[in-house]
N, C-alpha and C. Protein backbone atom coordinates (compact mmCIF):
# COMPACT_ATOMS: atom_id res chain seq x y z
N UNK A 1 178.07 72.62 49.62
CA UNK A 1 178.73 72.49 50.90
C UNK A 1 177.62 71.70 51.77
N UNK A 2 176.51 72.32 51.84
CA UNK A 2 175.64 71.93 52.75
C UNK A 2 175.09 70.37 52.60
N UNK A 3 175.01 70.03 51.08
CA UNK A 3 174.85 68.81 50.74
C UNK A 3 175.88 67.77 51.11
N UNK A 4 177.18 68.40 51.14
CA UNK A 4 178.37 67.53 51.36
C UNK A 4 178.21 67.20 53.17
N UNK A 5 177.86 68.16 53.72
CA UNK A 5 177.92 67.81 55.22
C UNK A 5 176.61 66.92 55.57
N UNK A 6 175.54 67.15 54.86
CA UNK A 6 174.63 65.76 55.10
C UNK A 6 174.83 64.88 54.80
N UNK A 7 175.33 64.53 53.54
CA UNK A 7 175.99 63.28 53.23
C UNK A 7 177.01 62.41 54.10
N UNK A 8 177.82 63.49 54.63
CA UNK A 8 178.89 62.91 55.56
C UNK A 8 178.24 62.51 56.82
N UNK A 9 177.14 63.46 57.31
CA UNK A 9 176.61 63.18 58.46
C UNK A 9 175.77 61.74 58.38
N UNK A 10 175.11 61.55 57.34
CA UNK A 10 174.31 60.20 57.04
C UNK A 10 175.32 58.89 57.03
N UNK A 11 176.53 59.09 56.47
CA UNK A 11 177.30 58.04 56.64
C UNK A 11 178.00 57.89 57.95
N UNK A 12 178.51 59.03 58.76
CA UNK A 12 179.31 59.02 59.87
C UNK A 12 178.18 58.49 61.23
N UNK A 13 176.84 59.01 61.11
CA UNK A 13 176.26 58.71 62.38
C UNK A 13 175.79 57.20 62.50
N UNK A 14 175.86 56.29 61.44
CA UNK A 14 175.59 54.99 61.74
C UNK A 14 177.00 54.42 62.32
N UNK A 15 178.04 54.89 61.98
CA UNK A 15 179.34 54.36 62.28
C UNK A 15 179.51 54.91 63.69
N UNK A 16 178.93 56.14 64.07
CA UNK A 16 179.25 56.59 65.55
C UNK A 16 178.18 55.66 66.44
N UNK A 17 177.29 55.40 66.03
CA UNK A 17 176.20 54.58 66.78
C UNK A 17 176.70 53.20 66.84
N UNK A 18 177.35 52.74 65.91
CA UNK A 18 178.06 51.37 66.03
C UNK A 18 179.35 51.45 67.12
N UNK A 19 179.90 52.35 67.07
CA UNK A 19 181.23 52.59 68.21
C UNK A 19 180.45 52.80 69.55
N UNK A 20 179.33 53.30 69.41
CA UNK A 20 178.79 53.66 71.05
C UNK A 20 178.43 52.30 71.44
N UNK A 21 177.92 51.35 70.55
CA UNK A 21 177.42 50.05 71.12
C UNK A 21 178.57 49.29 71.58
N UNK A 22 179.63 49.12 70.65
CA UNK A 22 180.81 48.30 70.80
C UNK A 22 181.69 48.89 72.14
N UNK A 23 181.50 50.27 72.36
CA UNK A 23 182.29 50.72 73.64
C UNK A 23 181.42 50.49 74.93
N UNK A 24 180.28 50.30 74.65
CA UNK A 24 179.44 50.15 75.78
C UNK A 24 179.69 48.40 76.09
N UNK A 25 179.67 47.76 75.09
CA UNK A 25 180.03 46.01 75.42
C UNK A 25 181.46 46.11 75.98
N UNK A 26 182.38 46.72 75.47
CA UNK A 26 183.77 46.59 75.89
C UNK A 26 183.80 47.07 77.49
N UNK A 27 183.11 47.86 77.75
CA UNK A 27 183.02 48.50 78.95
C UNK A 27 182.60 47.38 79.97
N UNK A 28 181.50 47.04 79.48
CA UNK A 28 180.58 45.98 80.40
C UNK A 28 181.48 44.83 80.74
N UNK A 29 182.27 44.43 79.51
CA UNK A 29 183.18 43.12 79.71
C UNK A 29 184.31 43.46 80.67
N UNK A 30 184.99 44.64 80.63
CA UNK A 30 185.94 45.23 81.26
C UNK A 30 185.86 45.53 82.85
N UNK A 31 184.77 46.26 83.10
CA UNK A 31 184.39 46.78 84.18
C UNK A 31 183.12 46.26 84.96
N UNK A 32 182.03 46.16 84.22
CA UNK A 32 180.78 45.81 84.66
C UNK A 32 180.95 44.34 85.43
N UNK A 33 181.22 43.48 84.76
CA UNK A 33 181.25 42.08 85.20
C UNK A 33 181.88 41.94 86.76
N UNK A 34 183.08 42.48 86.78
CA UNK A 34 183.91 42.35 88.06
C UNK A 34 182.87 42.99 89.09
N UNK A 35 182.29 44.01 88.71
CA UNK A 35 181.22 44.76 89.70
C UNK A 35 180.11 43.72 90.17
N UNK A 36 179.81 43.06 89.07
CA UNK A 36 178.29 42.28 89.37
C UNK A 36 179.02 40.87 90.09
N UNK A 37 180.09 40.46 89.82
CA UNK A 37 180.50 39.39 90.61
C UNK A 37 180.69 39.62 91.99
N UNK A 38 181.33 40.79 92.40
CA UNK A 38 181.77 41.26 93.68
C UNK A 38 180.77 41.98 94.28
N UNK A 39 179.58 41.90 93.81
CA UNK A 39 178.36 42.84 94.54
C UNK A 39 177.53 42.02 95.52
N UNK A 40 178.18 40.98 95.90
CA UNK A 40 177.43 39.91 97.06
C UNK A 40 177.60 40.74 98.24
N UNK A 41 178.83 41.35 98.46
CA UNK A 41 178.97 42.13 99.75
C UNK A 41 179.30 43.59 99.64
N UNK A 42 178.93 44.49 100.43
CA UNK A 42 179.14 45.81 100.37
C UNK A 42 180.49 46.21 100.03
N UNK A 43 181.65 45.54 101.08
CA UNK A 43 182.93 45.74 101.16
C UNK A 43 183.68 45.40 99.48
N UNK A 44 183.03 44.07 99.18
CA UNK A 44 183.54 43.69 97.85
C UNK A 44 183.06 44.56 96.82
N UNK A 45 181.99 45.12 96.84
CA UNK A 45 181.20 46.06 95.57
C UNK A 45 182.20 47.35 95.62
N UNK A 46 182.27 48.04 96.92
CA UNK A 46 183.02 49.28 96.97
C UNK A 46 184.45 48.97 96.64
N UNK A 47 185.26 47.84 96.95
CA UNK A 47 186.38 47.90 96.68
C UNK A 47 187.00 47.36 95.16
N UNK A 48 185.76 46.74 94.31
CA UNK A 48 185.82 46.80 93.03
C UNK A 48 185.58 47.91 92.29
N UNK A 49 184.71 48.57 92.66
CA UNK A 49 184.50 50.01 92.05
C UNK A 49 185.69 50.82 92.17
N UNK A 50 186.37 50.87 93.42
CA UNK A 50 187.44 51.62 93.49
C UNK A 50 188.68 51.16 92.90
N UNK A 51 188.78 50.15 92.75
CA UNK A 51 189.89 49.36 91.82
C UNK A 51 189.70 49.76 90.44
N UNK A 52 188.59 49.81 90.03
CA UNK A 52 188.48 49.93 88.48
C UNK A 52 188.27 51.48 88.22
N UNK A 53 188.00 52.41 89.11
CA UNK A 53 188.40 53.92 88.70
C UNK A 53 189.70 54.11 88.97
N UNK A 54 190.21 54.75 87.84
CA UNK A 54 191.80 55.33 87.92
C UNK A 54 191.86 56.35 88.96
N UNK A 55 193.03 56.38 89.36
CA UNK A 55 193.28 57.72 90.22
C UNK A 55 193.78 58.81 89.46
N UNK A 56 193.32 60.03 89.90
CA UNK A 56 193.82 61.20 89.09
C UNK A 56 195.15 61.25 88.53
N UNK A 57 196.08 60.93 89.23
CA UNK A 57 197.56 60.97 88.60
C UNK A 57 197.81 59.73 87.13
N UNK A 58 197.21 58.69 87.52
CA UNK A 58 197.10 57.66 86.15
C UNK A 58 196.38 58.43 85.23
N UNK A 59 195.22 58.93 85.38
CA UNK A 59 194.14 59.42 84.32
C UNK A 59 194.96 60.78 83.60
N UNK A 60 195.66 61.72 84.41
CA UNK A 60 196.46 62.37 84.04
C UNK A 60 197.45 62.22 82.84
N UNK A 61 198.36 61.30 83.49
CA UNK A 61 199.41 60.91 82.53
C UNK A 61 198.95 60.00 81.30
N UNK A 62 197.91 59.13 81.46
CA UNK A 62 197.49 58.72 80.23
C UNK A 62 196.68 60.03 79.41
N UNK A 63 196.26 60.70 79.89
CA UNK A 63 195.77 62.13 78.98
C UNK A 63 196.88 62.79 78.17
N UNK A 64 197.96 62.85 79.08
CA UNK A 64 199.27 63.55 78.41
C UNK A 64 199.90 62.46 77.27
N UNK A 65 199.76 61.36 77.61
CA UNK A 65 200.24 60.58 76.35
C UNK A 65 199.37 60.47 75.38
N UNK A 66 198.19 61.31 74.77
CA UNK A 66 197.60 61.27 73.94
C UNK A 66 198.15 62.40 73.18
N UNK A 67 198.85 63.38 73.68
CA UNK A 67 199.51 64.47 73.00
C UNK A 67 200.62 63.78 71.70
N UNK A 68 201.60 63.14 72.26
CA UNK A 68 202.28 62.75 71.13
C UNK A 68 201.83 61.59 70.22
N UNK A 69 200.84 60.96 70.78
CA UNK A 69 200.10 60.14 69.80
C UNK A 69 199.29 60.90 68.76
N UNK A 70 198.74 62.01 69.26
CA UNK A 70 197.76 62.87 68.18
C UNK A 70 198.82 63.61 67.26
N UNK A 71 200.11 63.98 67.79
CA UNK A 71 200.97 64.46 66.90
C UNK A 71 201.36 63.66 65.74
N UNK A 72 202.03 62.42 66.30
CA UNK A 72 202.11 61.20 65.02
C UNK A 72 201.17 60.75 64.24
N UNK A 73 199.62 61.03 64.47
CA UNK A 73 198.76 60.18 63.88
C UNK A 73 198.52 61.52 62.90
N UNK A 74 198.58 62.86 63.38
CA UNK A 74 198.36 63.89 62.32
C UNK A 74 199.39 63.94 61.29
N UNK A 75 200.82 63.80 61.85
CA UNK A 75 201.95 63.80 60.87
C UNK A 75 201.90 62.53 59.87
N UNK A 76 201.23 61.38 60.30
CA UNK A 76 201.08 60.34 59.26
C UNK A 76 200.09 60.64 58.43
N UNK A 77 198.76 61.20 58.65
CA UNK A 77 197.82 61.61 58.00
C UNK A 77 198.14 62.54 56.79
N UNK A 78 198.85 63.89 57.27
CA UNK A 78 199.10 64.66 56.42
C UNK A 78 200.43 64.67 55.76
N UNK A 79 201.49 63.69 56.14
CA UNK A 79 202.67 63.72 55.20
C UNK A 79 202.64 62.12 54.45
N UNK A 80 203.26 62.01 53.48
CA UNK A 80 203.66 60.81 52.84
C UNK A 80 205.12 60.50 53.01
N UNK A 81 205.68 59.28 53.26
CA UNK A 81 207.02 59.01 53.05
C UNK A 81 207.29 58.53 51.87
N UNK A 82 208.63 59.17 51.26
CA UNK A 82 209.01 58.95 49.85
C UNK A 82 209.50 57.48 49.86
N UNK A 83 210.24 56.83 50.91
CA UNK A 83 210.87 55.39 50.78
C UNK A 83 210.09 54.60 51.41
N UNK A 84 210.43 53.42 51.04
CA UNK A 84 209.74 52.05 51.94
C UNK A 84 210.35 51.97 53.28
N UNK A 85 211.62 52.37 53.26
CA UNK A 85 212.47 52.37 54.82
C UNK A 85 211.87 53.41 55.52
N UNK A 86 211.53 54.66 55.22
CA UNK A 86 210.98 55.61 55.92
C UNK A 86 209.61 55.30 56.41
N UNK A 87 208.64 54.85 55.35
CA UNK A 87 207.60 54.44 56.09
C UNK A 87 207.50 53.28 56.98
N UNK A 88 208.47 52.30 56.72
CA UNK A 88 208.64 51.14 57.83
C UNK A 88 208.96 51.85 59.23
N UNK A 89 209.80 52.70 58.92
CA UNK A 89 210.41 53.50 60.53
C UNK A 89 209.18 54.25 60.96
N UNK A 90 208.59 54.99 60.16
CA UNK A 90 207.31 55.70 60.52
C UNK A 90 206.18 54.88 61.26
N UNK A 91 205.94 53.82 60.52
CA UNK A 91 204.77 52.95 61.08
C UNK A 91 205.40 52.39 62.23
N UNK A 92 206.76 52.04 62.56
CA UNK A 92 206.71 51.48 63.82
C UNK A 92 206.68 52.48 64.94
N UNK A 93 207.24 53.57 64.77
CA UNK A 93 206.76 54.64 65.63
C UNK A 93 205.34 55.20 66.04
N UNK A 94 204.64 55.10 64.73
CA UNK A 94 203.35 55.05 65.00
C UNK A 94 202.61 54.10 66.16
N UNK A 95 203.02 52.61 65.45
CA UNK A 95 202.67 51.65 66.41
C UNK A 95 202.79 51.80 67.93
N UNK A 96 203.97 52.24 68.24
CA UNK A 96 204.54 52.33 69.66
C UNK A 96 203.63 53.37 70.57
N UNK A 97 203.52 54.52 69.60
CA UNK A 97 202.66 55.69 70.01
C UNK A 97 201.51 55.22 70.06
N UNK A 98 200.99 54.49 69.31
CA UNK A 98 199.53 53.78 69.44
C UNK A 98 199.06 53.36 70.72
N UNK A 99 200.02 52.59 70.78
CA UNK A 99 199.83 51.46 72.13
C UNK A 99 199.84 52.44 73.19
N UNK A 100 200.96 53.05 73.40
CA UNK A 100 201.09 54.15 74.45
C UNK A 100 199.80 55.02 74.70
N UNK A 101 199.65 55.88 73.45
CA UNK A 101 198.84 56.57 73.68
C UNK A 101 197.22 56.30 73.81
N UNK A 102 196.94 55.24 73.67
CA UNK A 102 195.43 54.67 73.54
C UNK A 102 195.22 54.12 75.02
N UNK A 103 196.24 54.08 75.72
CA UNK A 103 195.91 53.43 77.16
C UNK A 103 195.05 54.15 77.85
N UNK A 104 194.82 55.63 77.57
CA UNK A 104 193.69 56.35 78.21
C UNK A 104 192.38 55.69 77.97
N UNK A 105 192.24 55.19 76.51
CA UNK A 105 190.90 54.55 76.23
C UNK A 105 190.72 53.39 77.02
N UNK A 106 191.61 52.40 77.49
CA UNK A 106 191.51 51.40 78.17
C UNK A 106 191.00 51.58 79.58
N UNK A 107 191.70 52.71 80.14
CA UNK A 107 191.35 53.22 81.45
C UNK A 107 189.92 53.73 81.57
N UNK A 108 189.75 54.62 80.60
CA UNK A 108 188.08 54.97 80.74
C UNK A 108 187.33 53.89 80.33
N UNK A 109 187.46 52.81 79.59
CA UNK A 109 186.52 51.86 79.37
C UNK A 109 186.34 51.00 80.75
N UNK A 110 187.38 51.12 81.26
CA UNK A 110 187.01 50.22 82.85
C UNK A 110 186.21 51.08 83.80
N UNK A 111 186.51 52.47 83.58
CA UNK A 111 185.81 53.30 84.44
C UNK A 111 184.18 53.31 83.97
N UNK A 112 184.03 53.38 82.66
CA UNK A 112 182.84 53.20 82.11
C UNK A 112 181.89 52.07 82.62
N UNK A 113 182.61 50.85 82.44
CA UNK A 113 182.21 49.59 82.90
C UNK A 113 181.76 49.56 84.28
N UNK A 114 182.75 50.21 85.18
CA UNK A 114 182.42 50.31 86.51
C UNK A 114 180.90 51.08 86.91
N UNK A 115 180.84 52.17 85.95
CA UNK A 115 179.71 53.11 86.40
C UNK A 115 178.32 52.08 85.95
N UNK A 116 178.50 51.49 84.78
CA UNK A 116 177.21 50.75 84.13
C UNK A 116 177.00 49.59 85.42
N UNK A 117 178.19 49.05 85.77
CA UNK A 117 178.03 48.07 87.08
C UNK A 117 177.47 48.65 88.32
N UNK A 118 177.80 49.78 88.47
CA UNK A 118 177.26 50.30 89.68
C UNK A 118 176.14 50.67 89.70
N UNK A 119 175.64 51.25 88.46
CA UNK A 119 174.09 51.66 88.20
C UNK A 119 173.22 50.39 88.25
N UNK A 120 173.72 49.40 87.67
CA UNK A 120 172.66 48.12 87.50
C UNK A 120 172.61 47.47 88.85
N UNK A 121 173.93 47.37 89.60
CA UNK A 121 173.74 46.67 90.97
C UNK A 121 173.05 47.47 91.78
N UNK A 122 173.04 48.93 91.70
CA UNK A 122 172.14 49.71 92.52
C UNK A 122 170.79 49.36 92.35
N UNK A 123 170.50 48.97 91.30
CA UNK A 123 169.07 48.75 91.13
C UNK A 123 168.51 47.25 91.53
N UNK A 124 169.49 46.49 91.77
CA UNK A 124 169.16 44.99 92.36
C UNK A 124 169.63 44.95 93.68
N UNK A 125 170.43 45.52 94.37
CA UNK A 125 170.80 45.65 95.52
C UNK A 125 170.65 46.69 96.63
N UNK A 126 170.95 46.64 97.71
CA UNK A 126 170.72 47.69 98.69
C UNK A 126 171.61 48.70 99.07
N UNK A 127 172.96 48.29 98.39
CA UNK A 127 174.22 49.25 98.35
C UNK A 127 174.20 49.88 96.91
N UNK A 128 175.12 50.86 96.64
CA UNK A 128 175.17 51.52 95.44
C UNK A 128 174.58 53.10 95.56
N UNK A 129 173.88 53.29 94.59
CA UNK A 129 173.32 54.60 94.52
C UNK A 129 172.27 54.67 95.60
N UNK A 130 172.23 55.89 96.50
CA UNK A 130 171.38 56.03 97.73
C UNK A 130 170.35 56.79 97.44
N UNK A 131 170.41 57.72 96.29
CA UNK A 131 169.20 58.50 95.86
C UNK A 131 168.92 58.80 94.45
N UNK A 132 168.03 59.02 93.91
CA UNK A 132 167.67 59.29 92.35
C UNK A 132 168.50 60.20 92.00
N UNK A 133 168.87 61.33 92.75
CA UNK A 133 169.90 62.32 92.11
C UNK A 133 171.02 61.58 91.95
N UNK A 134 171.82 60.88 92.89
CA UNK A 134 173.12 60.23 92.73
C UNK A 134 172.96 59.21 91.32
N UNK A 135 171.69 58.61 91.23
CA UNK A 135 171.56 57.66 90.16
C UNK A 135 171.76 58.43 88.71
N UNK A 136 171.00 59.67 88.78
CA UNK A 136 170.98 60.19 87.62
C UNK A 136 172.31 60.92 87.19
N UNK A 137 173.11 61.19 88.05
CA UNK A 137 174.19 61.95 87.99
C UNK A 137 175.07 60.97 87.54
N UNK A 138 175.25 59.84 87.93
CA UNK A 138 176.16 58.82 87.86
C UNK A 138 175.84 58.34 86.24
N UNK A 139 174.41 58.23 85.80
CA UNK A 139 174.02 57.96 84.42
C UNK A 139 174.60 59.06 83.77
N UNK A 140 174.44 60.33 83.81
CA UNK A 140 174.90 61.35 82.99
C UNK A 140 176.30 61.06 82.77
N UNK A 141 177.23 60.90 83.74
CA UNK A 141 178.69 60.54 83.64
C UNK A 141 178.85 59.29 82.79
N UNK A 142 178.17 58.40 82.89
CA UNK A 142 178.10 57.20 81.97
C UNK A 142 178.06 57.66 80.56
N UNK A 143 176.90 58.40 80.32
CA UNK A 143 176.45 58.86 78.88
C UNK A 143 177.79 59.48 78.23
N UNK A 144 178.36 60.58 79.06
CA UNK A 144 179.42 61.47 78.71
C UNK A 144 180.81 60.63 78.41
N UNK A 145 181.04 59.64 79.18
CA UNK A 145 181.98 58.82 79.27
C UNK A 145 181.79 58.08 77.99
N UNK A 146 180.81 57.36 77.70
CA UNK A 146 180.49 56.63 76.64
C UNK A 146 180.90 57.38 75.56
N UNK A 147 180.25 58.51 75.31
CA UNK A 147 180.54 59.32 73.92
C UNK A 147 181.97 59.71 73.68
N UNK A 148 182.78 60.02 74.82
CA UNK A 148 184.23 60.11 74.85
C UNK A 148 184.88 59.24 74.17
N UNK A 149 184.46 57.79 74.83
CA UNK A 149 185.37 56.47 74.28
C UNK A 149 184.89 56.42 72.75
N UNK A 150 183.88 56.55 72.45
CA UNK A 150 183.56 56.22 70.89
C UNK A 150 184.15 57.27 70.12
N UNK A 151 184.34 58.42 70.55
CA UNK A 151 185.13 59.63 69.78
C UNK A 151 186.37 59.26 69.80
N UNK A 152 187.06 58.84 70.88
CA UNK A 152 188.48 58.49 70.70
C UNK A 152 188.82 57.11 69.95
N UNK A 153 187.90 56.17 69.95
CA UNK A 153 188.02 55.01 69.38
C UNK A 153 188.02 55.39 67.70
N UNK A 154 186.87 56.22 67.45
CA UNK A 154 186.71 56.63 66.02
C UNK A 154 188.18 57.39 65.45
N UNK A 155 188.71 58.32 66.39
CA UNK A 155 189.73 59.13 66.08
C UNK A 155 190.84 58.09 65.69
N UNK A 156 191.13 57.05 66.83
CA UNK A 156 191.99 56.12 66.44
C UNK A 156 192.08 55.36 65.25
N UNK A 157 190.69 54.86 64.85
CA UNK A 157 190.51 54.12 63.48
C UNK A 157 190.65 54.88 62.16
N UNK A 158 190.31 56.18 62.33
CA UNK A 158 190.56 57.16 61.40
C UNK A 158 191.97 57.50 61.10
N UNK A 159 192.84 58.04 62.11
CA UNK A 159 194.09 57.98 61.85
C UNK A 159 195.03 56.91 61.67
N UNK A 160 194.62 55.83 62.03
CA UNK A 160 195.58 54.58 61.87
C UNK A 160 196.08 54.27 60.52
N UNK A 161 197.17 54.26 60.26
CA UNK A 161 197.59 54.24 58.48
C UNK A 161 196.84 52.80 58.23
N UNK A 162 196.46 52.83 56.99
CA UNK A 162 195.76 51.65 56.47
C UNK A 162 197.06 50.62 55.77
N UNK A 163 196.67 49.54 55.61
CA UNK A 163 197.49 48.80 54.66
C UNK A 163 197.42 49.13 53.19
N UNK A 164 198.53 49.12 52.56
CA UNK A 164 198.39 49.55 51.06
C UNK A 164 198.19 48.31 50.12
N UNK A 165 196.95 47.97 50.00
CA UNK A 165 196.47 46.73 49.18
C UNK A 165 195.35 46.99 48.39
N UNK A 166 195.31 46.61 47.40
CA UNK A 166 194.49 46.91 46.14
C UNK A 166 193.13 46.15 46.63
N UNK A 167 192.12 47.18 46.37
CA UNK A 167 190.71 46.89 46.55
C UNK A 167 190.24 45.71 45.25
N UNK A 168 190.98 45.82 44.26
CA UNK A 168 190.40 44.92 43.35
C UNK A 168 191.30 43.97 43.04
N UNK A 169 190.96 42.73 42.60
CA UNK A 169 191.66 41.69 42.42
C UNK A 169 192.12 41.72 41.02
N UNK A 170 193.17 41.74 40.54
CA UNK A 170 193.81 41.60 39.14
C UNK A 170 193.46 40.17 38.53
N UNK A 171 192.70 39.87 37.40
CA UNK A 171 192.31 38.76 36.93
C UNK A 171 193.28 38.58 35.87
N UNK A 172 194.29 39.29 35.57
CA UNK A 172 195.13 39.09 34.33
C UNK A 172 196.29 38.32 34.95
N UNK A 173 196.64 37.11 34.07
CA UNK A 173 197.62 36.40 34.39
C UNK A 173 198.63 36.19 33.31
N UNK A 174 199.92 36.10 33.54
CA UNK A 174 200.75 35.75 32.44
C UNK A 174 201.03 34.30 32.14
N UNK A 175 201.21 34.06 31.04
CA UNK A 175 201.11 32.86 30.59
C UNK A 175 202.49 31.97 31.47
N UNK A 176 202.22 30.99 32.00
CA UNK A 176 203.14 30.12 32.48
C UNK A 176 204.52 29.52 32.03
N UNK A 177 204.26 29.58 30.51
CA UNK A 177 205.41 29.12 29.70
C UNK A 177 206.40 30.28 29.42
N UNK A 178 205.97 31.71 30.03
CA UNK A 178 206.88 32.70 29.66
C UNK A 178 208.09 32.50 30.77
N UNK A 179 209.07 32.98 29.97
CA UNK A 179 210.53 33.02 30.79
C UNK A 179 211.15 34.42 30.97
């Protein structure tokens, strides 16, 4: 049992580290670049930060949408469909809930990027973090948000149904003259 856990940890840790880097890059593209572009004036800087950070009602709604997505994913993972028609219907439902349920991830990525942009702009401009305490607090929020994004992204990747294709190429061929 202990060996299995260690083996799984060795496999999953590099995957999680890769997800952390990917999520940070996505956050920078979605949220930091607009902050940097608009950091020429204090008004533009603050308006961009406030625009990228989701309001509480939107965050709550997106969090609620994770519930049906999680239920569908767990059902998909636990049960197999007996017919192709049933599998197609279920995959369609999964696709819809996946699009709706992962909107939270997009919202959080924008916030992640906004925090990263805020911290980097604070280092090079006169506006932004006014004290070391504020800078460290924002950095801690950034780290926890990054871990959350990576975890949700891994959860999504793990529970997404995979295409049923063979891993191996069949080298056997029928004679072309057979009828």
